[in-house]
Protein backbone atom coordinates (compact mmCIF):
# COMPACT_ATOMS: atom_id res chain seq x y z
CA SER A 1 15.57 19.77 -11.70
CA TYR A 2 13.55 16.77 -12.80
CA TYR A 3 9.76 16.55 -13.08
CA VAL A 4 7.61 13.42 -12.77
CA SER A 5 3.88 13.17 -13.53
CA SER A 6 1.77 10.02 -13.50
CA ILE A 7 -0.94 12.10 -15.20
CA ASN A 8 0.86 13.86 -18.08
CA GLY A 9 4.33 12.31 -18.08
CA ASP A 10 6.06 10.02 -20.53
CA ASP A 11 9.23 8.06 -19.75
CA ASN A 12 10.48 8.90 -23.26
CA ASN A 13 10.63 12.59 -22.26
CA ASP A 14 13.74 14.27 -20.83
CA GLY A 15 12.03 15.12 -17.49
CA LEU A 16 13.57 18.61 -17.38
CA THR A 17 10.34 20.66 -17.45
CA PRO A 18 6.74 20.12 -16.32
CA GLU A 19 5.78 19.84 -20.00
CA THR A 20 8.38 17.09 -20.60
CA ALA A 21 7.97 15.26 -17.29
CA PHE A 22 8.79 11.59 -16.81
CA LYS A 23 5.85 9.31 -16.00
CA THR A 24 7.37 6.95 -13.40
CA LEU A 25 9.70 7.10 -10.44
CA ASP A 26 11.63 4.24 -12.06
CA LYS A 27 12.83 6.66 -14.73
CA ILE A 28 14.58 8.97 -12.25
CA GLN A 29 16.10 6.11 -10.25
CA GLY A 30 19.84 6.27 -10.77
CA ILE A 31 19.97 9.42 -12.94
CA VAL A 32 19.38 12.01 -10.23
CA GLU A 33 22.62 13.30 -8.72
CA PRO A 34 23.10 14.89 -5.29
CA GLN A 35 22.13 18.58 -5.02
CA LYS A 36 19.43 18.19 -7.70
CA ARG A 37 15.67 18.62 -7.28
CA VAL A 38 12.84 16.21 -8.08
CA TYR A 39 9.28 17.49 -8.32
CA LEU A 40 6.22 15.24 -8.44
CA GLU A 41 3.06 16.65 -10.01
CA ARG A 42 0.23 17.31 -7.58
CA GLY A 43 -2.68 14.92 -8.13
CA SER A 44 -0.34 12.17 -9.35
CA VAL A 45 -0.55 8.65 -7.93
CA PHE A 46 2.61 6.57 -8.17
CA ARG A 47 2.28 2.83 -7.53
CA HIS A 48 5.82 1.71 -6.91
CA LYS A 49 6.39 -2.04 -6.94
CA LYS A 50 9.97 -2.00 -5.67
CA THR A 51 11.95 0.09 -3.20
CA PHE A 52 12.72 3.57 -4.46
CA HIS A 53 16.12 4.76 -3.23
CA ALA A 54 16.07 8.52 -2.92
CA THR A 55 19.31 10.20 -3.88
CA PRO A 56 21.17 11.72 -0.88
CA ALA A 57 21.32 15.52 -0.62
CA THR A 58 18.49 15.87 -3.15
CA HIS A 59 15.36 17.95 -2.61
CA TYR A 60 12.04 16.21 -3.30
CA GLY A 61 8.87 18.31 -3.60
CA ALA A 62 5.67 18.89 -5.57
CA TYR A 63 4.56 21.17 -8.39
CA GLY A 64 1.26 22.19 -9.93
CA GLU A 65 -2.21 22.47 -8.42
CA GLY A 66 -4.30 19.99 -6.48
CA PRO A 67 -3.75 17.38 -3.80
CA LYS A 68 -0.28 16.26 -2.80
CA PRO A 69 1.14 13.46 -4.95
CA GLN A 70 0.74 9.96 -3.52
CA ILE A 71 3.36 7.22 -3.52
CA LEU A 72 1.63 3.92 -2.77
CA GLY A 73 2.92 0.43 -2.13
CA SER A 74 -0.35 -1.09 -3.29
CA ASN A 75 -0.03 -2.62 -6.76
CA ARG A 76 -3.43 -1.26 -7.80
CA ASP A 77 -6.73 0.06 -6.49
CA TYR A 78 -8.65 -3.07 -5.52
CA ALA A 79 -12.08 -1.35 -5.58
CA ASP A 80 -13.09 -3.41 -8.62
CA ALA A 81 -16.08 -5.73 -8.18
CA SER A 82 -14.88 -8.06 -10.96
CA ILE A 83 -11.81 -9.22 -9.00
CA TRP A 84 -13.67 -10.19 -5.79
CA SER A 85 -15.64 -13.44 -5.36
CA LEU A 86 -17.85 -14.51 -2.49
CA TYR A 87 -16.02 -17.36 -0.77
CA GLN A 88 -18.40 -18.17 2.07
CA ASP A 89 -20.46 -16.47 4.80
CA ASP A 90 -19.60 -12.82 4.01
CA ILE A 91 -15.96 -13.66 3.30
CA TRP A 92 -14.70 -12.39 -0.03
CA VAL A 93 -11.58 -13.60 -1.84
CA LEU A 94 -9.32 -12.25 -4.56
CA ASP A 95 -6.18 -13.58 -6.22
CA LEU A 96 -3.17 -11.75 -4.75
CA GLU A 97 0.17 -13.06 -5.97
CA THR A 98 2.45 -10.69 -4.08
CA GLU A 99 4.50 -10.31 -0.94
CA ASP A 100 2.65 -10.74 2.33
CA ALA A 101 -0.16 -8.19 2.59
CA CYS A 102 0.25 -6.31 5.86
CA GLN A 103 -2.48 -3.68 5.65
CA ILE A 104 -5.71 -2.90 3.87
CA ASN A 105 -7.38 0.50 3.93
CA PHE A 106 -10.61 1.68 2.39
CA ASN A 107 -11.76 5.02 1.00
CA ASN A 108 -8.43 6.76 1.52
CA ASP A 109 -7.81 5.59 5.09
CA THR A 110 -11.32 6.26 6.42
CA TYR A 111 -11.54 2.58 7.36
CA ILE A 112 -8.65 0.21 8.13
CA GLY A 113 -8.80 -3.60 8.10
CA VAL A 114 -7.33 -5.91 10.74
CA LYS A 115 -4.81 -8.57 9.72
CA LYS A 116 -5.34 -12.09 11.05
CA HIS A 117 -2.60 -14.71 11.11
CA CYS A 118 -4.84 -17.53 9.90
CA TYR A 119 -8.14 -17.86 8.06
CA GLU A 120 -9.91 -19.33 11.09
CA LEU A 121 -9.45 -16.07 13.05
CA ILE A 122 -11.51 -13.99 10.60
CA GLU A 123 -14.58 -12.90 12.60
CA ASN A 124 -15.47 -9.23 12.07
CA ASP A 125 -15.96 -6.95 9.11
CA GLY A 126 -12.55 -5.71 7.98
CA ASP A 127 -10.66 -8.79 9.21
CA PHE A 128 -8.38 -10.17 6.50
CA TYR A 129 -5.96 -13.02 5.93
CA HIS A 130 -3.45 -13.38 3.10
CA ASP A 131 -2.61 -16.95 2.11
CA THR A 132 0.69 -16.23 0.35
CA GLU A 133 1.31 -19.90 -0.41
CA ASN A 134 -1.82 -20.09 -2.58
CA GLY A 135 -2.00 -16.41 -3.58
CA LYS A 136 -5.42 -15.81 -1.99
CA PHE A 137 -6.54 -12.77 -0.01
CA TYR A 138 -9.62 -13.20 2.21
CA LEU A 139 -11.68 -10.31 3.61
CA LYS A 140 -14.81 -10.36 5.74
CA LEU A 141 -17.41 -7.83 4.67
CA SER A 142 -21.09 -8.35 5.42
CA ASN A 143 -22.56 -5.56 3.32
CA GLY A 144 -21.53 -6.80 -0.13
CA ASN A 145 -18.75 -7.07 -2.67
CA PRO A 146 -15.83 -4.89 -1.48
CA GLY A 147 -15.34 -3.58 -5.01
CA GLU A 148 -18.89 -2.20 -4.98
CA VAL A 149 -19.02 -1.06 -1.34
CA PHE A 150 -15.84 1.06 -1.39
CA GLN A 151 -14.59 3.71 -3.80
CA ASN A 152 -10.95 2.96 -3.01
CA ILE A 153 -9.15 -0.09 -1.61
CA GLU A 154 -5.39 -0.19 -1.09
CA ILE A 155 -3.57 -3.35 0.00
CA ALA A 156 -0.05 -2.64 1.24
CA THR A 157 2.70 -5.24 1.39
CA VAL A 158 5.68 -5.67 3.70
CA ARG A 159 8.23 -4.16 1.30
CA ILE A 160 9.86 -0.78 1.86
CA ILE A 161 8.38 1.77 -0.55
CA ILE A 162 10.91 4.58 -0.20
CA ASN A 163 14.40 4.58 1.28
CA PHE A 164 15.22 8.25 1.88
CA GLY A 165 18.71 7.91 3.32
CA ASN A 166 20.00 11.51 3.47
CA ALA A 167 17.39 12.95 1.09
CA ASN A 168 15.15 15.89 2.01
């Protein structure tokens, strides 16, 4: 078995016990063999920036106490007022040099934004447009800076987060 914890792990560990857990999913990529087990610590949040290929015939589960571990395709939590700037008329902008943003959700999915295919179509709160050519992400929000209004903002991209293949 291998253990991974974004909270207490260290990629210099051996990953063989909860006390010596790895920190990232990158560390187990390629070393886990079929018929092994991988446990992610409850309460952990893994932000994976490339596709994770789960090993076939391997069991994936959780250990410890607390909420289920999260594997997110968002590079960070964007609920940070310092990264948002007012662009014009309740439209906020942030620098987003990444693949095409396909979804935005707020406060752990309690509110979901609506993607628009051009800036000119932004009309309602939650509408967003990602200008990938210039690395700008635009969001309409009339009640203030998104980083102050929301406790959590995740921006997902079009990449595949996990490829499970024949994994459990």
